[in-house]
Amino acid sequence: MSASSIKQDVDCANRENFHVACKTAVVGDLVLCQARANSVILHRKARHIASDGNDSVLILVRERGGPVGGRQFGREVEIGNGGAAVFDSKEESLTYGLDDGTAFAIYLPRAHLLTAGVEIEKQAAKPLDLAGTTPLRLAVSYAKCLLNEPPADDPQSATLAARHISDLFALGFDANSDFSQLAKSRGLRAVRLESIRQAIAKNFNRADLTADALAKMVQLSPRYIQHLLHEEGTTVSAEVTSLRLDRAFGALTDRARAQHSVSDIAYQCGFSDLSTFYRAFKRRYGMT
């Protein structure tokens, strides 16, 4: 059941000055949402559950600002900055964001977690250690990338990405050993590789983008990054240069940018040395 159909009562502490900003994306069978509100409390009650039949599992991540948290199964949790907690949409719950708190919500398919042996009730309304649990940290990071750049025109990639994220959460929740081995083989490497490529795609025009800088962005070692890319038949330098050349070629053939010099465009695309740009451009396109 899609989280886009979830029903809740909304309680605003300051109705006259209430404001909320929300960004959502549907990726495969995941629903992703980033929201900021000056003060909002959401009540999911038995009548809502009976009405919409939504049984997804919510991963609620506190990004910044005021308090974010909730209550379920008699437990209360206030999420620390950069932390997260789980809530079961099939059961009554209360969640909140106060004082301009910004939260990131990931709605996972229940069936996938149950198949992996995850005991959802035991996980609910308890803090998740994102920083200290690699699969959870990677899952949230990957989901944020997909919120900003959803594969809207590629259903196959969307389905695969959604499965990888669900696999990683299951791993982080200590799924049964058989599933863990399967998920590790198909999910962890793919998500790490995708996070590397997403970071390169967002930062390729930075002249200081090196393997070390990239490693800090994705929280992996430079050697491991090079190893993953080597298995794909490429390198950090090759990936970065390829994107820079694509951008430069587009700019140089755009009549609207005819007034820009070649050097200006090269620098804007991340090349810090013109001779390097000219050599790479000629090698790719056979012209200068």
Protein backbone atom coordinates (compact mmCIF):
# COMPACT_ATOMS: atom_id res chain seq x y z
CA MET A 1 0.00 0.00 0.00
CA SER A 2 1.44 3.38 -1.00
CA ALA A 3 2.24 5.86 1.73
CA SER A 4 0.74 8.52 -0.53
CA SER A 5 -2.68 7.33 0.73
CA ILE A 6 -1.87 7.50 4.44
CA LYS A 7 -4.45 9.27 6.64
CA GLN A 8 -3.75 11.19 9.85
CA ASP A 9 -5.21 13.96 11.99
CA VAL A 10 -3.13 17.14 11.87
CA ASP A 11 -2.78 19.25 15.00
CA CYS A 12 -1.21 22.70 14.55
CA ALA A 13 -0.16 24.53 17.70
CA ASN A 14 -0.28 27.89 15.92
CA ARG A 15 -3.02 27.71 13.28
CA GLU A 16 -2.90 31.39 12.36
CA ASN A 17 0.80 31.33 11.49
CA PHE A 18 1.06 27.70 10.44
CA HIS A 19 3.38 27.00 7.54
CA VAL A 20 4.75 23.84 6.00
CA ALA A 21 7.08 23.12 3.08
CA CYS A 22 7.11 19.64 1.60
CA LYS A 23 8.92 17.81 -1.19
CA THR A 24 7.91 14.28 -2.19
CA ALA A 25 8.87 11.57 -4.67
CA VAL A 26 7.62 8.07 -5.42
CA VAL A 27 10.44 5.68 -6.35
CA GLY A 28 9.32 2.14 -7.09
CA ASP A 29 7.39 1.03 -4.01
CA LEU A 30 8.96 3.70 -1.79
CA VAL A 31 7.52 7.10 -0.92
CA LEU A 32 10.03 9.78 0.08
CA CYS A 33 9.14 13.07 1.71
CA GLN A 34 11.11 15.98 3.16
CA ALA A 35 9.06 18.41 5.24
CA ARG A 36 9.56 21.44 7.44
CA ALA A 37 6.83 22.90 9.65
CA ASN A 38 6.81 25.51 12.38
CA SER A 39 4.80 23.16 14.59
CA VAL A 40 2.79 20.08 13.65
CA ILE A 41 1.63 16.92 15.43
CA LEU A 42 0.28 13.99 13.38
CA HIS A 43 -2.08 11.46 14.96
CA ARG A 44 -2.67 8.16 13.18
CA LYS A 45 -5.66 6.46 14.76
CA ALA A 46 -7.57 3.20 14.39
CA ARG A 47 -10.18 4.77 12.09
CA HIS A 48 -7.43 5.95 9.74
CA ILE A 49 -5.86 2.49 9.62
CA ALA A 50 -9.22 0.85 8.93
CA SER A 51 -10.01 3.41 6.23
CA ASP A 52 -6.82 3.49 4.16
CA GLY A 53 -5.34 0.05 4.86
CA ASN A 54 -1.84 1.50 4.72
CA ASP A 55 0.68 -0.87 6.32
CA SER A 56 3.96 0.75 5.25
CA VAL A 57 6.85 1.24 7.66
CA LEU A 58 7.99 4.81 8.27
CA ILE A 59 11.63 5.73 8.80
CA LEU A 60 11.58 9.25 10.24
CA VAL A 61 14.89 11.14 10.07
CA ARG A 62 15.54 14.42 11.87
CA GLU A 63 17.63 16.69 9.68
CA ARG A 64 17.80 20.03 11.48
CA GLY A 65 15.83 22.60 13.45
CA GLY A 66 13.51 21.91 16.34
CA PRO A 67 12.45 18.63 17.95
CA VAL A 68 11.25 15.70 15.83
CA GLY A 69 9.95 12.47 17.32
CA GLY A 70 6.92 10.41 18.20
CA ARG A 71 5.15 7.80 20.30
CA GLN A 72 4.01 4.23 19.58
CA PHE A 73 3.51 0.96 21.48
CA GLY A 74 3.76 2.90 24.75
CA ARG A 75 7.25 4.13 23.89
CA GLU A 76 8.29 7.72 23.24
CA VAL A 77 11.31 8.81 21.24
CA GLU A 78 12.79 12.23 20.53
CA ILE A 79 15.14 11.91 17.60
CA GLY A 80 18.57 13.48 17.89
CA ASN A 81 20.05 15.60 15.11
CA GLY A 82 20.89 13.34 12.19
CA GLY A 83 19.19 10.40 13.89
CA ALA A 84 16.08 8.42 13.00
CA ALA A 85 13.29 6.26 14.37
CA VAL A 86 10.82 3.67 13.02
CA PHE A 87 7.02 3.88 13.10
CA ASP A 88 4.54 1.22 11.98
CA SER A 89 1.70 2.63 9.86
CA LYS A 90 -0.41 -0.43 10.68
CA GLU A 91 -0.64 0.66 14.32
CA GLU A 92 -1.73 3.85 16.08
CA SER A 93 1.01 6.45 16.47
CA LEU A 94 1.84 10.08 17.10
CA THR A 95 4.66 11.87 15.31
CA TYR A 96 5.70 15.51 15.49
CA GLY A 97 7.96 18.24 14.22
CA LEU A 98 8.23 21.41 16.32
CA ASP A 99 9.91 24.82 16.11
CA ASP A 100 10.75 24.62 12.39
CA GLY A 101 12.02 21.08 12.66
CA THR A 102 12.93 19.52 9.31
CA ALA A 103 12.34 15.80 8.82
CA PHE A 104 12.92 13.30 6.06
CA ALA A 105 10.40 10.46 5.81
CA ILE A 106 10.95 7.14 4.03
CA TYR A 107 7.95 4.83 3.69
CA LEU A 108 9.06 1.23 3.13
CA PRO A 109 6.94 -1.73 1.96
CA ARG A 110 6.05 -3.85 4.97
CA ALA A 111 6.16 -7.14 3.09
CA HIS A 112 9.82 -6.72 2.18
CA LEU A 113 10.88 -6.25 5.80
CA LEU A 114 8.73 -9.14 7.03
CA THR A 115 10.22 -11.42 4.37
CA ALA A 116 13.64 -10.49 5.70
CA GLY A 117 12.62 -11.51 9.21
CA VAL A 118 12.49 -7.98 10.65
CA GLU A 119 10.32 -7.69 13.79
CA ILE A 120 8.79 -4.29 13.14
CA GLU A 121 7.13 -3.82 16.54
CA LYS A 122 10.46 -4.33 18.32
CA GLN A 123 12.05 -1.63 16.17
CA ALA A 124 9.26 0.95 16.49
CA ALA A 125 9.66 4.19 18.48
CA LYS A 126 13.30 3.48 19.25
CA PRO A 127 16.27 5.58 18.10
CA LEU A 128 18.27 4.26 15.15
CA ASP A 129 22.04 4.64 15.14
CA LEU A 130 22.55 5.95 11.60
CA ALA A 131 26.13 7.11 12.17
CA GLY A 132 27.25 3.78 13.59
CA THR A 133 25.31 1.43 11.30
CA THR A 134 26.63 1.44 7.74
CA PRO A 135 23.57 -0.09 6.00
CA LEU A 136 21.19 2.40 7.65
CA ARG A 137 23.42 5.37 6.88
CA LEU A 138 23.78 4.32 3.25
CA ALA A 139 20.05 3.71 2.89
CA VAL A 140 19.16 7.20 4.11
CA SER A 141 21.86 8.83 2.00
CA TYR A 142 20.73 6.96 -1.11
CA ALA A 143 17.08 7.83 -0.44
CA LYS A 144 17.94 11.53 -0.16
CA CYS A 145 19.70 11.38 -3.53
CA LEU A 146 16.61 9.79 -5.06
CA LEU A 147 14.34 12.45 -3.57
CA ASN A 148 16.38 15.14 -5.30
CA GLU A 149 16.87 13.20 -8.55
CA PRO A 150 14.16 10.53 -8.88
CA PRO A 151 14.48 8.19 -11.89
CA ALA A 152 11.06 9.28 -13.15
CA ASP A 153 11.55 8.07 -16.72
CA ASP A 154 13.20 4.77 -15.85
CA PRO A 155 10.81 2.40 -14.01
CA GLN A 156 13.34 -0.45 -13.99
CA SER A 157 15.96 1.68 -12.26
CA ALA A 158 13.35 2.99 -9.82
CA THR A 159 12.31 -0.54 -8.87
CA LEU A 160 15.93 -1.61 -8.43
CA ALA A 161 16.80 1.46 -6.35
CA ALA A 162 13.78 0.92 -4.09
CA ARG A 163 14.74 -2.70 -3.52
CA HIS A 164 18.32 -1.74 -2.65
CA ILE A 165 17.12 0.76 -0.05
CA SER A 166 14.72 -1.76 1.50
CA ASP A 167 17.52 -4.35 1.55
CA LEU A 168 19.83 -1.96 3.37
CA PHE A 169 17.24 -1.13 6.02
CA ALA A 170 16.60 -4.83 6.53
CA LEU A 171 20.34 -5.36 7.00
CA GLY A 172 20.47 -2.50 9.48
CA PHE A 173 17.62 -4.10 11.42
CA ASP A 174 19.53 -7.40 11.71
CA ALA A 175 17.53 -9.41 9.18
CA ASN A 176 17.82 -13.20 9.21
CA SER A 177 21.13 -14.62 8.00
CA ASP A 178 19.88 -16.04 4.68
CA PHE A 179 18.39 -12.72 3.64
CA SER A 180 21.41 -10.81 4.91
CA GLN A 181 23.72 -12.73 2.61
CA LEU A 182 21.44 -12.14 -0.38
CA ALA A 183 21.01 -8.45 0.39
CA LYS A 184 24.72 -7.91 0.90
CA SER A 185 25.51 -9.48 -2.43
CA ARG A 186 22.99 -7.45 -4.42
CA GLY A 187 22.45 -4.30 -2.41
CA LEU A 188 25.37 -2.88 -0.48
CA ARG A 189 27.86 -2.70 -3.35
CA ALA A 190 25.25 -1.30 -5.75
CA VAL A 191 24.15 1.42 -3.35
CA ARG A 192 27.73 2.44 -2.58
CA LEU A 193 28.52 2.62 -6.28
CA GLU A 194 25.39 4.66 -6.94
CA SER A 195 26.17 7.05 -4.07
CA ILE A 196 29.66 7.60 -5.55
CA ARG A 197 28.25 8.37 -8.98
CA GLN A 198 25.57 10.64 -7.53
CA ALA A 199 28.24 12.62 -5.66
CA ILE A 200 30.37 12.91 -8.79
CA ALA A 201 27.37 14.05 -10.84
CA LYS A 202 26.60 16.79 -8.33
CA ASN A 203 30.18 18.02 -7.88
CA PHE A 204 32.06 17.34 -11.13
CA ASN A 205 32.39 21.07 -11.88
CA ARG A 206 34.43 21.58 -8.72
CA ALA A 207 38.10 21.91 -9.65
CA ASP A 208 39.08 20.41 -6.28
CA LEU A 209 37.06 17.20 -6.73
CA THR A 210 39.55 14.41 -6.02
CA ALA A 211 39.23 10.85 -4.76
CA ASP A 212 39.96 12.13 -1.23
CA ALA A 213 37.31 14.85 -1.46
CA LEU A 214 34.82 12.36 -2.87
CA ALA A 215 35.59 9.90 -0.06
CA LYS A 216 34.57 12.48 2.55
CA MET A 217 31.29 13.14 0.73
CA VAL A 218 30.21 9.50 0.64
CA GLN A 219 31.98 8.38 3.84
CA LEU A 220 34.02 5.65 2.16
CA SER A 221 37.79 5.28 1.85
CA PRO A 222 39.49 6.58 -1.32
CA ARG A 223 40.97 3.12 -1.94
CA TYR A 224 37.57 1.44 -1.73
CA ILE A 225 36.06 4.01 -4.12
CA GLN A 226 38.82 3.35 -6.63
CA HIS A 227 38.30 -0.40 -6.19
CA LEU A 228 34.56 -0.20 -6.91
CA LEU A 229 35.09 1.96 -9.98
CA HIS A 230 37.93 -0.25 -11.20
CA GLU A 231 35.52 -3.20 -11.15
CA GLU A 232 33.28 -1.11 -13.42
CA GLY A 233 36.19 -0.45 -15.78
CA THR A 234 36.62 3.19 -14.83
CA THR A 235 38.25 5.60 -12.34
CA VAL A 236 37.30 8.73 -10.42
CA SER A 237 39.30 10.83 -12.87
CA ALA A 238 37.64 9.22 -15.89
CA GLU A 239 34.14 9.67 -14.48
CA VAL A 240 34.76 13.31 -13.57
CA THR A 241 36.43 14.15 -16.88
CA SER A 242 33.62 12.54 -18.87
CA LEU A 243 30.96 14.65 -17.16
CA ARG A 244 33.03 17.81 -17.52
CA LEU A 245 33.48 17.18 -21.25
CA ASP A 246 29.77 16.51 -21.70
CA ARG A 247 28.96 19.82 -20.02
CA ALA A 248 31.64 21.70 -21.96
CA PHE A 249 30.51 20.31 -25.31
CA GLY A 250 26.93 21.30 -24.57
CA ALA A 251 28.01 24.83 -23.65
CA LEU A 252 30.31 25.26 -26.66
CA THR A 253 27.58 24.20 -29.08
CA ASP A 254 24.90 26.35 -27.42
CA ARG A 255 24.33 29.52 -29.45
CA ALA A 256 22.99 31.26 -26.38
CA ARG A 257 26.50 31.03 -24.88
CA ALA A 258 28.40 32.11 -27.98
CA GLN A 259 29.74 35.17 -26.15
CA HIS A 260 31.55 33.00 -23.60
CA SER A 261 35.19 32.17 -24.27
CA VAL A 262 36.44 28.59 -24.42
CA SER A 263 38.57 29.16 -21.32
CA ASP A 264 35.60 30.51 -19.34
CA ILE A 265 33.52 27.47 -20.21
CA ALA A 266 36.37 25.08 -19.40
CA TYR A 267 36.85 26.63 -15.97
CA GLN A 268 33.10 26.64 -15.28
CA CYS A 269 33.02 22.91 -16.05
CA GLY A 270 35.74 22.18 -13.50
CA PHE A 271 38.91 22.12 -15.60
CA SER A 272 41.68 24.01 -13.82
CA ASP A 273 44.22 23.62 -16.63
CA LEU A 274 43.42 24.59 -20.23
CA SER A 275 45.99 22.27 -21.80
CA THR A 276 44.40 19.32 -20.00
CA PHE A 277 40.99 20.42 -21.27
CA TYR A 278 42.18 20.77 -24.87
CA ARG A 279 43.82 17.33 -24.86
CA ALA A 280 40.78 15.63 -23.34
CA PHE A 281 38.38 17.46 -25.66
CA LYS A 282 40.35 16.50 -28.77
CA ARG A 283 40.63 12.90 -27.62
CA ARG A 284 36.86 12.68 -27.07
CA TYR A 285 35.55 14.69 -30.01
CA GLY A 286 38.47 14.69 -32.46
CA MET A 287 38.55 18.47 -32.67
CA THR A 288 39.71 21.54 -30.76
